Protein backbone atom coordinates (compact mmCIF):
# COMPACT_ATOMS: atom_id res chain seq x y z
CA MET A 1 -0.09 0.09 0.32
CA ARG A 2 2.77 2.55 0.72
CA ASN A 3 4.53 1.72 -2.19
CA ILE A 4 0.99 2.82 -4.06
CA PHE A 5 1.12 6.04 -2.29
CA ILE A 6 4.58 6.75 -3.10
CA PHE A 7 3.98 6.32 -6.92
CA LEU A 8 0.72 8.25 -6.85
CA ILE A 9 2.08 10.91 -5.16
CA GLY A 10 5.22 10.70 -7.85
CA ALA A 11 2.80 10.65 -10.75
CA GLY A 12 0.93 13.43 -9.46
CA LEU A 13 3.77 15.78 -8.87
CA TRP A 14 5.26 14.69 -12.77
CA ALA A 15 1.82 15.44 -14.06
CA GLY A 16 1.98 19.10 -12.32
CA ALA A 17 5.73 19.22 -13.80
CA THR A 18 5.11 18.57 -17.16
CA GLY A 19 1.68 20.44 -17.26
CA CYS A 20 3.41 24.13 -16.51
CA GLY A 21 5.52 22.99 -20.03
CA SER A 22 9.35 23.29 -19.79
CA SER A 23 11.15 26.78 -19.71
CA ALA A 24 13.26 25.83 -22.80
CA GLU A 25 9.87 25.85 -24.83
CA ALA A 26 8.32 28.97 -23.24
CA ASP A 27 11.77 30.87 -23.55
CA SER A 28 12.28 29.90 -27.13
CA PRO A 29 13.25 32.77 -29.60
CA ALA A 30 10.69 31.21 -32.37
CA SER A 31 7.55 31.61 -29.31
CA ALA A 32 8.38 34.83 -28.64
CA THR A 33 8.93 36.41 -31.87
CA THR A 34 6.93 34.68 -34.22
CA VAL A 35 3.49 33.80 -32.63
CA ARG A 36 1.05 36.68 -30.98
CA PRO A 37 -0.03 35.66 -27.67
CA ALA A 38 -3.52 34.23 -27.70
CA TYR A 39 -4.31 35.13 -24.29
CA PHE A 40 -3.26 37.11 -21.27
CA PRO A 41 0.91 36.76 -21.07
CA LEU A 42 0.73 35.55 -17.38
CA LYS A 43 4.38 34.07 -17.96
CA GLU A 44 5.59 37.68 -19.13
CA TYR A 45 3.87 39.17 -15.90
CA LEU A 46 5.15 36.95 -13.49
CA ASP A 47 8.72 37.15 -14.97
CA ALA A 48 8.50 40.89 -14.40
CA GLN A 49 6.89 40.59 -10.73
CA ALA A 50 9.82 38.62 -9.51
CA THR A 51 12.55 40.60 -11.51
CA ARG A 52 11.08 43.59 -9.56
CA LEU A 53 10.29 41.53 -6.02
CA ASN A 54 13.80 40.42 -6.14
CA GLN A 55 15.31 44.11 -6.65
CA GLN A 56 13.21 45.55 -4.06
CA GLN A 57 12.98 42.64 -1.46
CA PRO A 58 10.02 43.55 0.59
CA PRO A 59 9.13 41.42 3.70
CA VAL A 60 5.93 39.44 3.32
CA GLU A 61 3.54 38.32 5.91
CA LYS A 62 2.24 34.81 5.19
CA ARG A 63 -0.90 33.11 6.60
CA VAL A 64 -1.01 29.01 6.40
CA THR A 65 -3.93 26.93 7.14
CA LEU A 66 -3.67 22.93 6.46
CA ARG A 67 -6.23 20.84 7.18
CA GLY A 68 -8.41 22.72 9.03
CA SER A 69 -6.40 23.90 11.68
CA ALA A 70 -6.08 27.06 13.23
CA PRO A 71 -3.99 29.55 11.23
CA GLU A 72 -0.21 30.35 11.44
CA THR A 73 1.20 33.68 10.63
CA THR A 74 4.53 34.56 9.94
CA ARG A 75 6.88 37.28 8.45
CA VAL A 76 9.36 36.20 5.87
CA PRO A 77 12.03 38.97 5.74
CA LYS A 78 13.49 37.70 2.49
CA ILE A 79 12.11 35.44 -0.67
CA GLU A 80 13.38 34.13 -3.83
CA TRP A 81 10.46 35.54 -5.70
CA ASP A 82 11.27 33.21 -8.96
CA LYS A 83 10.71 30.42 -6.27
CA GLU A 84 7.79 31.86 -4.45
CA LEU A 85 5.38 32.48 -7.40
CA GLN A 86 6.26 28.93 -9.24
CA VAL A 87 2.39 27.84 -8.60
CA PHE A 88 0.82 30.53 -10.36
CA TYR A 89 3.01 29.80 -13.72
CA GLN A 90 0.46 26.45 -14.03
CA ALA A 91 -2.14 28.97 -14.51
CA ASP A 92 -0.35 30.24 -17.83
CA ILE A 93 -2.97 29.23 -20.69
CA ASN A 94 -0.54 31.28 -23.44
CA LYS A 95 0.67 27.92 -24.98
CA PRO A 96 0.67 27.44 -28.66
CA ALA A 97 -1.29 23.67 -27.75
CA LEU A 98 -3.86 25.70 -26.15
CA ARG A 99 -4.67 27.84 -29.05
CA GLY A 100 -8.59 28.10 -29.30
CA ALA A 101 -8.96 26.32 -26.21
CA TYR A 102 -10.57 28.98 -24.42
CA ALA A 103 -13.41 31.44 -24.94
CA VAL A 104 -12.59 35.28 -24.05
CA ASP A 105 -15.30 37.53 -22.77
CA SER A 106 -13.93 40.94 -22.28
CA THR A 107 -15.88 43.84 -19.91
CA THR A 108 -15.61 47.29 -19.21
CA LEU A 109 -16.82 47.59 -15.63
CA PRO A 110 -18.67 50.81 -13.92
CA ASN A 111 -15.35 51.95 -12.39
CA GLY A 112 -13.36 52.03 -15.69
CA THR A 113 -11.41 48.66 -15.30
CA ARG A 114 -11.29 46.10 -17.79
CA GLN A 115 -12.26 42.21 -16.91
CA ILE A 116 -11.02 39.77 -19.35
CA LEU A 117 -12.78 36.17 -18.45
CA TYR A 118 -10.75 32.75 -20.15
CA THR A 119 -13.15 29.97 -19.90
CA ARG A 120 -11.87 26.53 -21.24
CA LYS A 121 -13.92 25.19 -23.80
CA PRO A 122 -15.54 21.86 -23.75
CA GLY A 123 -13.48 19.10 -25.11
CA PHE A 124 -10.03 20.17 -24.04
CA ASP A 125 -8.55 18.76 -21.18
CA ASN A 126 -5.86 21.39 -19.95
CA ALA A 127 -6.07 22.05 -16.27
CA VAL A 128 -7.24 25.78 -15.79
CA VAL A 129 -10.69 26.13 -16.25
CA ARG A 130 -11.06 29.49 -15.59
CA LEU A 131 -8.39 32.66 -15.58
CA THR A 132 -9.90 36.06 -15.00
CA VAL A 133 -7.62 39.40 -15.61
CA VAL A 134 -8.78 42.84 -14.23
CA ARG A 135 -6.56 46.07 -15.31
CA ASP A 136 -7.00 49.65 -15.34
CA ALA A 137 -4.67 52.23 -16.77
CA SER A 138 -1.94 51.52 -14.39
CA GLY A 139 -1.81 48.09 -14.94
CA VAL A 140 -2.89 44.49 -13.82
CA ARG A 141 -5.35 44.57 -10.70
CA SER A 142 -5.99 41.10 -10.32
CA VAL A 143 -5.70 37.84 -11.69
CA ASP A 144 -7.81 34.77 -10.54
CA ALA A 145 -7.32 31.01 -11.43
CA THR A 146 -9.41 27.62 -11.11
CA LEU A 147 -7.48 24.48 -11.60
CA GLN A 148 -8.51 21.16 -11.90
CA LYS A 149 -7.50 17.61 -12.26
CA ASN A 150 -9.86 14.91 -12.04
CA ASN A 151 -9.30 11.07 -12.58
CA PRO A 152 -10.24 8.05 -11.09
CA LEU A 153 -7.38 8.08 -8.20
CA PHE A 154 -6.83 11.77 -8.10
CA TYR A 155 -8.59 14.89 -7.61
CA SER A 156 -7.26 18.38 -6.91
CA GLU A 157 -8.54 21.64 -7.20
CA LYS A 158 -6.37 25.19 -6.74
CA LYS A 159 -8.12 28.63 -6.45
CA LEU A 160 -5.00 31.20 -7.40
CA GLN A 161 -5.52 34.84 -6.84
CA LEU A 162 -2.58 37.97 -7.73
CA ARG A 163 -3.46 41.12 -6.39
CA GLY A 164 -1.61 44.45 -7.43
CA GLN A 165 -1.82 48.02 -7.46
CA ALA A 166 -0.12 50.48 -10.09
CA GLY A 167 1.00 47.33 -11.78
CA THR A 168 2.99 45.91 -8.81
CA LEU A 169 2.11 42.57 -6.97
CA ASP A 170 0.74 43.37 -3.59
CA ALA A 171 -1.14 40.21 -2.23
CA TYR A 172 -1.71 36.66 -3.90
CA GLN A 173 -3.43 33.70 -2.04
CA VAL A 174 -3.67 29.89 -2.90
CA GLN A 175 -6.51 28.13 -1.50
CA GLY A 176 -6.93 23.95 -2.44
CA VAL A 177 -8.17 20.32 -1.99
CA GLN A 178 -6.56 17.29 -2.79
CA LYS A 179 -7.74 14.00 -2.24
CA LEU A 180 -6.39 10.49 -3.03
CA VAL A 181 -8.50 7.56 -3.59
CA LEU A 182 -8.21 5.77 0.16
CA PHE A 183 -6.75 8.70 1.75
CA ASP A 184 -8.50 11.85 3.44
CA THR A 185 -9.00 14.99 1.80
CA LEU A 186 -6.46 17.51 2.19
CA ARG A 187 -7.33 21.04 2.33
CA TYR A 188 -4.86 24.04 2.29
CA ALA A 189 -4.48 28.06 2.02
CA THR A 190 -1.96 30.35 1.96
CA ASN A 191 -2.27 33.85 2.29
CA ALA A 192 0.13 36.73 1.52
CA ARG A 193 0.90 40.40 1.46
CA VAL A 194 3.84 42.29 0.44
CA VAL A 195 4.80 44.56 3.01
CA ARG A 196 5.64 48.18 1.93
């Protein structure tokens, strides 16, 4: 039984890693110069935020909850932002294989911001079910994504949120649930705020 559990976790991690796309593929000159992005360029947004935050090195206040326990709060004085934002790269739908996989609905909100909703079309099996981007004249205000994986042995759902002001990231959140066959459901949440 233990070997099955180790195998399933390894398979889940492998599937998660391969679902993100390779960095060589994402960084290839052909993809950057010849193909116009079909959807919001999340990878480029995250790269820019990581670069900026690595230069500034602001502290972060984090609150973590695991399995319904009382939240634990900590202040982290220094973060490697490339690694910290890694989970959000999983929500990138701007890949050549996903062209045409998402319906796009754009709305101008009463406060003048623009909301773009990307919804996965039936028949496509990408983990990102929905991606919502809100932006105004100063830049991206928020990015929300819902990711799901479901098969007979494993179910997972992640809700990712990024919040910004004046084009700069100032808060982010990850909420998730995982269920392996024969094991208890695992629920977790991380809320973080960039201290300025």
